[in-house]
C-alpha atoms as a PDB file:
ATOM      1  CA  THR A   1     100.389 -62.286 106.897  1.00  0.00           C
ATOM      2  CA  ASN A   2      96.979 -63.651 105.948  1.00  0.00           C
ATOM      3  CA  GLY A   3      97.400 -62.518 102.340  1.00  0.00           C
ATOM      4  CA  LYS A   4      94.759 -59.788 102.663  1.00  0.00           C
ATOM      5  CA  GLU A   5      96.852 -57.041 104.183  1.00  0.00           C
ATOM      6  CA  ASN A   6     100.367 -55.950 103.270  1.00  0.00           C
ATOM      7  CA  PRO A   7     102.339 -54.639 106.270  1.00  0.00           C
ATOM      8  CA  GLY A   8     104.834 -52.794 104.047  1.00  0.00           C
ATOM      9  CA  ASN A   9     108.579 -53.062 104.593  1.00  0.00           C
ATOM     10  CA  LEU A  10     110.152 -55.202 107.314  1.00  0.00           C
ATOM     11  CA  THR A  11     113.609 -54.892 108.924  1.00  0.00           C
ATOM     12  CA  LEU A  12     115.132 -57.601 111.118  1.00  0.00           C
ATOM     13  CA  SER A  13     118.382 -57.234 113.061  1.00  0.00           C
ATOM     14  CA  ILE A  14     120.578 -60.210 114.012  1.00  0.00           C
ATOM     15  CA  GLU A  15     122.195 -59.379 117.337  1.00  0.00           C
ATOM     16  CA  ALA A  16     124.373 -62.483 117.907  1.00  0.00           C
ATOM     17  CA  ASN A  17     125.893 -65.469 116.140  1.00  0.00           C
ATOM     18  CA  LEU A  18     123.316 -68.168 115.325  1.00  0.00           C
ATOM     19  CA  ASP A  19     124.088 -71.880 115.622  1.00  0.00           C
ATOM     20  CA  MET A  20     121.446 -73.766 113.611  1.00  0.00           C
ATOM     21  CA  ASN A  21     122.991 -77.236 113.702  1.00  0.00           C
ATOM     22  CA  ASN A  22     119.989 -78.715 115.512  1.00  0.00           C
ATOM     23  CA  LEU A  23     117.343 -76.843 113.511  1.00  0.00           C
ATOM     24  CA  LEU A  24     115.627 -77.850 110.269  1.00  0.00           C
ATOM     25  CA  TRP A  25     115.324 -74.608 108.309  1.00  0.00           C
ATOM     26  CA  THR A  26     112.766 -73.849 105.589  1.00  0.00           C
ATOM     27  CA  PRO A  27     113.569 -70.928 103.252  1.00  0.00           C
ATOM     28  CA  THR A  28     111.526 -67.817 104.024  1.00  0.00           C
ATOM     29  CA  VAL A  29     109.348 -66.848 101.054  1.00  0.00           C
ATOM     30  CA  VAL A  30     109.217 -63.147 100.163  1.00  0.00           C
ATOM     31  CA  ASP A  31     106.167 -62.529  97.981  1.00  0.00           C
ATOM     32  CA  GLY A  32     104.885 -58.972  97.556  1.00  0.00           C
ATOM     33  CA  TYR A  33     101.382 -60.166  96.758  1.00  0.00           C
ATOM     34  CA  ASN A  34     101.006 -62.107 100.001  1.00  0.00           C
ATOM     35  CA  GLY A  35     103.349 -60.493 102.511  1.00  0.00           C
ATOM     36  CA  VAL A  36     105.822 -57.686 103.035  1.00  0.00           C
ATOM     37  CA  ASP A  37     107.378 -55.498 100.344  1.00  0.00           C
ATOM     38  CA  ILE A  38     111.106 -55.112 101.102  1.00  0.00           C
ATOM     39  CA  VAL A  39     112.659 -57.432 103.716  1.00  0.00           C
ATOM     40  CA  THR A  40     115.928 -56.108 105.143  1.00  0.00           C
ATOM     41  CA  ILE A  41     118.259 -58.260 107.248  1.00  0.00           C
ATOM     42  CA  LEU A  42     120.913 -56.419 109.256  1.00  0.00           C
ATOM     43  CA  GLY A  43     123.511 -59.019 110.130  1.00  0.00           C
ATOM     44  CA  ASN A  44     125.698 -56.701 112.230  1.00  0.00           C
ATOM     45  CA  ASN A  45     128.735 -58.785 111.181  1.00  0.00           C
ATOM     46  CA  ASN A  46     127.345 -61.887 112.871  1.00  0.00           C
ATOM     47  CA  LYS A  47     127.605 -65.453 111.621  1.00  0.00           C
ATOM     48  CA  ILE A  48     125.089 -68.224 110.932  1.00  0.00           C
ATOM     49  CA  THR A  49     126.465 -71.774 111.183  1.00  0.00           C
ATOM     50  CA  GLY A  50     124.831 -75.151 110.597  1.00  0.00           C
ATOM     51  CA  LEU A  51     122.278 -73.827 108.077  1.00  0.00           C
ATOM     52  CA  THR A  52     120.539 -76.681 106.212  1.00  0.00           C
ATOM     53  CA  ALA A  53     118.617 -74.738 103.516  1.00  0.00           C
ATOM     54  CA  PRO A  54     118.816 -71.312 101.819  1.00  0.00           C
ATOM     55  CA  LEU A  55     117.769 -68.312 103.888  1.00  0.00           C
ATOM     56  CA  PHE A  56     115.223 -67.018 101.363  1.00  0.00           C
ATOM     57  CA  GLU A  57     113.089 -67.984  98.432  1.00  0.00           C
ATOM     58  CA  GLY A  58     111.842 -65.187  96.212  1.00  0.00           C
ATOM     59  CA  GLY A  59     108.308 -65.478  94.877  1.00  0.00           C
ATOM     60  CA  PHE A  60     106.781 -63.820  91.841  1.00  0.00           C
ATOM     61  CA  ALA A  61     106.626 -60.690  93.837  1.00  0.00           C
ATOM     62  CA  GLY A  62     105.991 -57.399  92.072  1.00  0.00           C
ATOM     63  CA  GLU A  63     107.256 -54.529  94.231  1.00  0.00           C
ATOM     64  CA  SER A  64     109.023 -56.689  96.811  1.00  0.00           C
ATOM     65  CA  GLY A  65     112.713 -57.212  97.462  1.00  0.00           C
ATOM     66  CA  ILE A  66     115.386 -58.612  99.776  1.00  0.00           C
ATOM     67  CA  VAL A  67     118.272 -56.633 101.288  1.00  0.00           C
ATOM     68  CA  ILE A  68     120.933 -58.423 103.377  1.00  0.00           C
ATOM     69  CA  LYS A  69     123.876 -56.601 104.945  1.00  0.00           C
ATOM     70  CA  ASP A  70     126.906 -57.669 107.004  1.00  0.00           C
ATOM     71  CA  LEU A  71     126.097 -61.366 107.394  1.00  0.00           C
ATOM     72  CA  THR A  72     128.204 -64.532 107.101  1.00  0.00           C
ATOM     73  CA  ILE A  73     127.035 -68.096 106.514  1.00  0.00           C
ATOM     74  CA  ALA A  74     129.738 -70.564 107.564  1.00  0.00           C
ATOM     75  CA  ASN A  75     130.241 -74.273 108.236  1.00  0.00           C
ATOM     76  CA  SER A  76     126.891 -75.167 106.695  1.00  0.00           C
ATOM     77  CA  ASN A  77     125.601 -77.915 104.398  1.00  0.00           C
ATOM     78  CA  ILE A  78     122.809 -76.237 102.441  1.00  0.00           C
ATOM     79  CA  VAL A  79     120.520 -78.402 100.330  1.00  0.00           C
ATOM     80  CA  SER A  80     117.895 -76.761  98.124  1.00  0.00           C
ATOM     81  CA  LEU A  81     114.865 -78.569  96.690  1.00  0.00           C
ATOM     82  CA  ASN A  82     113.930 -75.643  94.435  1.00  0.00           C
ATOM     83  CA  ASN A  83     114.142 -76.767  90.793  1.00  0.00           C
ATOM     84  CA  GLN A  84     114.400 -73.178  89.570  1.00  0.00           C
ATOM     85  CA  GLY A  85     117.444 -72.050  91.528  1.00  0.00           C
ATOM     86  CA  SER A  86     119.578 -72.720  94.595  1.00  0.00           C
ATOM     87  CA  GLY A  87     121.809 -70.387  96.597  1.00  0.00           C
ATOM     88  CA  ALA A  88     122.906 -70.018 100.200  1.00  0.00           C
ATOM     89  CA  PHE A  89     121.272 -66.618 100.686  1.00  0.00           C
ATOM     90  CA  ILE A  90     118.488 -66.672  98.061  1.00  0.00           C
ATOM     91  CA  GLU A  91     117.207 -69.578  95.974  1.00  0.00           C
ATOM     92  CA  SER A  92     115.487 -67.734  93.122  1.00  0.00           C
ATOM     93  CA  VAL A  93     114.624 -64.144  92.259  1.00  0.00           C
ATOM     94  CA  ASP A  94     111.532 -63.809  90.073  1.00  0.00           C
ATOM     95  CA  SER A  95     110.308 -60.297  89.199  1.00  0.00           C
ATOM     96  CA  MET A  96     111.436 -58.646  92.431  1.00  0.00           C
ATOM     97  CA  GLU A  97     112.409 -54.991  92.144  1.00  0.00           C
ATOM     98  CA  GLN A  98     115.376 -54.964  94.524  1.00  0.00           C
ATOM     99  CA  ILE A  99     117.880 -57.621  95.568  1.00  0.00           C
ATOM    100  CA  THR A 100     120.900 -56.271  97.463  1.00  0.00           C
ATOM    101  CA  LEU A 101     123.673 -58.188  99.222  1.00  0.00           C
ATOM    102  CA  ILE A 102     126.382 -56.084 100.879  1.00  0.00           C
ATOM    103  CA  ASN A 103     129.259 -57.535 102.909  1.00  0.00           C
ATOM    104  CA  CYS A 104     127.750 -61.040 102.818  1.00  0.00           C
ATOM    105  CA  HIS A 105     129.972 -64.118 102.930  1.00  0.00           C
ATOM    106  CA  LEU A 106     129.825 -67.877 102.392  1.00  0.00           C
ATOM    107  CA  ILE A 107     132.717 -69.652 104.098  1.00  0.00           C
ATOM    108  CA  ASN A 108     133.644 -73.324 104.572  1.00  0.00           C
ATOM    109  CA  SER A 109     130.224 -74.496 103.378  1.00  0.00           C
ATOM    110  CA  LYS A 110     128.451 -76.653 100.797  1.00  0.00           C
ATOM    111  CA  VAL A 111     125.507 -75.626  98.611  1.00  0.00           C
ATOM    112  CA  SER A 112     123.698 -78.095  96.362  1.00  0.00           C
ATOM    113  CA  GLY A 113     120.606 -77.990  94.154  1.00  0.00           C
ATOM    114  CA  SER A 114     119.613 -76.851  90.654  1.00  0.00           C
ATOM    115  CA  ARG A 115     121.120 -73.812  88.906  1.00  0.00           C
ATOM    116  CA  THR A 116     123.292 -73.337  91.961  1.00  0.00           C
ATOM    117  CA  GLY A 117     125.183 -70.242  93.044  1.00  0.00           C
ATOM    118  CA  GLY A 118     127.160 -69.535  96.173  1.00  0.00           C
ATOM    119  CA  LEU A 119     124.918 -66.583  97.040  1.00  0.00           C
ATOM    120  CA  ILE A 120     121.944 -66.649  94.615  1.00  0.00           C
ATOM    121  CA  GLY A 121     120.626 -69.409  92.391  1.00  0.00           C
ATOM    122  CA  TRP A 122     118.480 -67.905  89.601  1.00  0.00           C
ATOM    123  CA  THR A 123     117.414 -64.381  88.650  1.00  0.00           C
ATOM    124  CA  SER A 124     114.758 -62.934  86.366  1.00  0.00           C
ATOM    125  CA  GLY A 125     112.862 -59.746  85.685  1.00  0.00           C
ATOM    126  CA  TYR A 126     109.521 -59.568  83.865  1.00  0.00           C
ATOM    127  CA  ASP A 127     108.824 -57.604  80.676  1.00  0.00           C
ATOM    128  CA  ASN A 128     105.189 -58.340  79.881  1.00  0.00           C
ATOM    129  CA  VAL A 129     103.655 -54.854  79.863  1.00  0.00           C
ATOM    130  CA  ASN A 130     100.127 -56.255  79.613  1.00  0.00           C
ATOM    131  CA  ASP A 131     100.036 -57.315  83.263  1.00  0.00           C
ATOM    132  CA  GLY A 132     102.713 -55.194  84.889  1.00  0.00           C
ATOM    133  CA  SER A 133     106.376 -55.381  83.917  1.00  0.00           C
ATOM    134  CA  VAL A 134     109.089 -55.515  86.596  1.00  0.00           C
ATOM    135  CA  LYS A 135     112.715 -54.456  86.211  1.00  0.00           C
ATOM    136  CA  THR A 136     114.798 -56.520  88.628  1.00  0.00           C
ATOM    137  CA  TYR A 137     117.998 -54.959  89.981  1.00  0.00           C
ATOM    138  CA  ILE A 138     120.508 -57.276  91.705  1.00  0.00           C
ATOM    139  CA  THR A 139     123.394 -55.557  93.521  1.00  0.00           C
ATOM    140  CA  ILE A 140     126.163 -57.614  95.137  1.00  0.00           C
ATOM    141  CA  LYS A 141     129.001 -55.691  96.787  1.00  0.00           C
ATOM    142  CA  GLU A 142     131.896 -56.525  99.131  1.00  0.00           C
ATOM    143  CA  CYS A 143     130.849 -60.186  99.302  1.00  0.00           C
ATOM    144  CA  SER A 144     132.961 -63.353  99.319  1.00  0.00           C
ATOM    145  CA  ILE A 145     132.723 -67.080  98.690  1.00  0.00           C
ATOM    146  CA  ILE A 146     135.674 -68.888 100.247  1.00  0.00           C
ATOM    147  CA  ASN A 147     136.641 -72.544 100.624  1.00  0.00           C
ATOM    148  CA  SER A 148     133.174 -73.787  99.710  1.00  0.00           C
ATOM    149  CA  GLU A 149     131.671 -76.448  97.445  1.00  0.00           C
ATOM    150  CA  ILE A 150     128.915 -75.409  95.025  1.00  0.00           C
ATOM    151  CA  LYS A 151     127.193 -78.285  93.283  1.00  0.00           C
ATOM    152  CA  GLY A 152     124.210 -78.432  90.995  1.00  0.00           C
ATOM    153  CA  GLU A 153     122.406 -79.516  87.867  1.00  0.00           C
ATOM    154  CA  GLY A 154     122.878 -77.195  84.912  1.00  0.00           C
ATOM    155  CA  SER A 155     124.479 -73.854  85.686  1.00  0.00           C
ATOM    156  CA  VAL A 156     126.891 -73.562  88.613  1.00  0.00           C
ATOM    157  CA  GLY A 157     128.501 -70.268  89.633  1.00  0.00           C
ATOM    158  CA  GLY A 158     130.524 -68.939  92.518  1.00  0.00           C
ATOM    159  CA  ILE A 159     128.122 -66.044  93.086  1.00  0.00           C
ATOM    160  CA  ILE A 160     125.071 -66.709  90.846  1.00  0.00           C
ATOM    161  CA  GLY A 161     124.088 -69.940  89.137  1.00  0.00           C
ATOM    162  CA  HIS A 162     121.855 -68.600  86.335  1.00  0.00           C
ATOM    163  CA  ALA A 163     121.819 -64.818  85.863  1.00  0.00           C
ATOM    164  CA  GLY A 164     119.088 -63.227  83.780  1.00  0.00           C
ATOM    165  CA  ALA A 165     116.243 -65.448  82.631  1.00  0.00           C
ATOM    166  CA  ASN A 166     114.570 -62.291  81.290  1.00  0.00           C
ATOM    167  CA  ALA A 167     115.946 -59.216  79.519  1.00  0.00           C
ATOM    168  CA  TRP A 168     114.731 -56.894  82.285  1.00  0.00           C
ATOM    169  CA  THR A 169     117.296 -58.245  84.770  1.00  0.00           C
ATOM    170  CA  TYR A 170     120.215 -56.023  85.793  1.00  0.00           C
ATOM    171  CA  HIS A 171     123.201 -57.259  87.820  1.00  0.00           C
ATOM    172  CA  LEU A 172     126.019 -55.298  89.448  1.00  0.00           C
ATOM    173  CA  ILE A 173     128.785 -57.337  91.108  1.00  0.00           C
ATOM    174  CA  GLU A 174     131.471 -55.198  92.727  1.00  0.00           C
ATOM    175  CA  ASN A 175     134.562 -55.765  94.886  1.00  0.00           C
ATOM    176  CA  CYS A 176     133.846 -59.423  95.609  1.00  0.00           C
ATOM    177  CA  ASN A 177     136.302 -62.177  96.549  1.00  0.00           C
ATOM    178  CA  ILE A 178     135.990 -65.751  95.249  1.00  0.00           C
ATOM    179  CA  LYS A 179     138.727 -68.051  96.498  1.00  0.00           C
ATOM    180  CA  ASP A 180     139.547 -71.763  96.980  1.00  0.00           C
ATOM    181  CA  ASN A 181     136.159 -73.148  95.951  1.00  0.00           C
ATOM    182  CA  LYS A 182     135.058 -76.331  94.203  1.00  0.00           C
ATOM    183  CA  LEU A 183     132.347 -76.001  91.521  1.00  0.00           C
ATOM    184  CA  ILE A 184     130.639 -79.210  90.401  1.00  0.00           C
ATOM    185  CA  ALA A 185     128.029 -79.710  87.654  1.00  0.00           C
ATOM    186  CA  VAL A 186     126.394 -83.116  88.002  1.00  0.00           C
ATOM    187  CA  ASP A 187     124.040 -83.557  85.039  1.00  0.00           C
ATOM    188  CA  GLU A 188     124.939 -84.865  81.602  1.00  0.00           C
ATOM    189  CA  GLY A 189     123.398 -82.016  79.620  1.00  0.00           C
ATOM    190  CA  ASP A 190     124.746 -78.674  78.458  1.00  0.00           C
ATOM    191  CA  LEU A 191     126.915 -77.718  81.426  1.00  0.00           C
ATOM    192  CA  ARG A 192     127.706 -74.121  82.292  1.00  0.00           C
ATOM    193  CA  VAL A 193     130.175 -73.493  85.117  1.00  0.00           C
ATOM    194  CA  GLY A 194     131.832 -70.214  86.033  1.00  0.00           C
ATOM    195  CA  SER A 195     133.807 -68.890  88.987  1.00  0.00           C
ATOM    196  CA  ILE A 196     131.492 -65.849  89.190  1.00  0.00           C
ATOM    197  CA  ILE A 197     128.379 -66.805  87.168  1.00  0.00           C
ATOM    198  CA  GLY A 198     127.442 -70.151  85.679  1.00  0.00           C
ATOM    199  CA  THR A 199     125.182 -68.747  82.951  1.00  0.00           C
ATOM    200  CA  ALA A 200     124.928 -65.088  81.950  1.00  0.00           C
ATOM    201  CA  ASN A 201     121.783 -65.416  79.875  1.00  0.00           C
ATOM    202  CA  VAL A 202     119.900 -62.224  78.933  1.00  0.00           C
ATOM    203  CA  GLY A 203     119.686 -58.849  80.635  1.00  0.00           C
ATOM    204  CA  GLU A 204     122.766 -57.046  81.894  1.00  0.00           C
ATOM    205  CA  VAL A 205     125.752 -58.101  83.999  1.00  0.00           C
ATOM    206  CA  VAL A 206     128.379 -55.589  85.164  1.00  0.00           C
ATOM    207  CA  ILE A 207     131.369 -56.891  87.136  1.00  0.00           C
ATOM    208  CA  ASN A 208     133.813 -54.463  88.742  1.00  0.00           C
END
């Protein structure tokens, strides 16, 4: 939008497999101050191949959020230039009320960047009550990361690179499958690598 009017929530449905091998993709920015509130992607069990960059980048976004259901990213080489976070589905989540991934999968792919996760790079809520605090809820259910390479500077995780840069960040990871992956941290600093999460910083993480 033009930044002056907010159209509210937006739902997009993917009706077929998408081959993006000949397309240069730029992550879609979801920013509640300058666009829609909640963006919902209905994948309908379809597959995206040949993706060159993360699907989404989350802005400092107030009441906004991203919901993705029933979508697979496969056979892709995803390179993120975002210094804050890198992930196949979402680069960074900064003060967004709702982030939900259900039945989303990363298969036979590579993801590289900073604070890199297979699905999401970096997450944070916002607890400054003087200008509007935001509790950020991240829900990841029935997802998988299989036979993929996740590479980054700093924190590297199978699902999330850096979880919880602020205490008002709440994660629920449930019934997920992480199998046959390679996790690579490339810098010489304080490395944090984990099969599920690279860094569990502040806030809350529940894994079932």
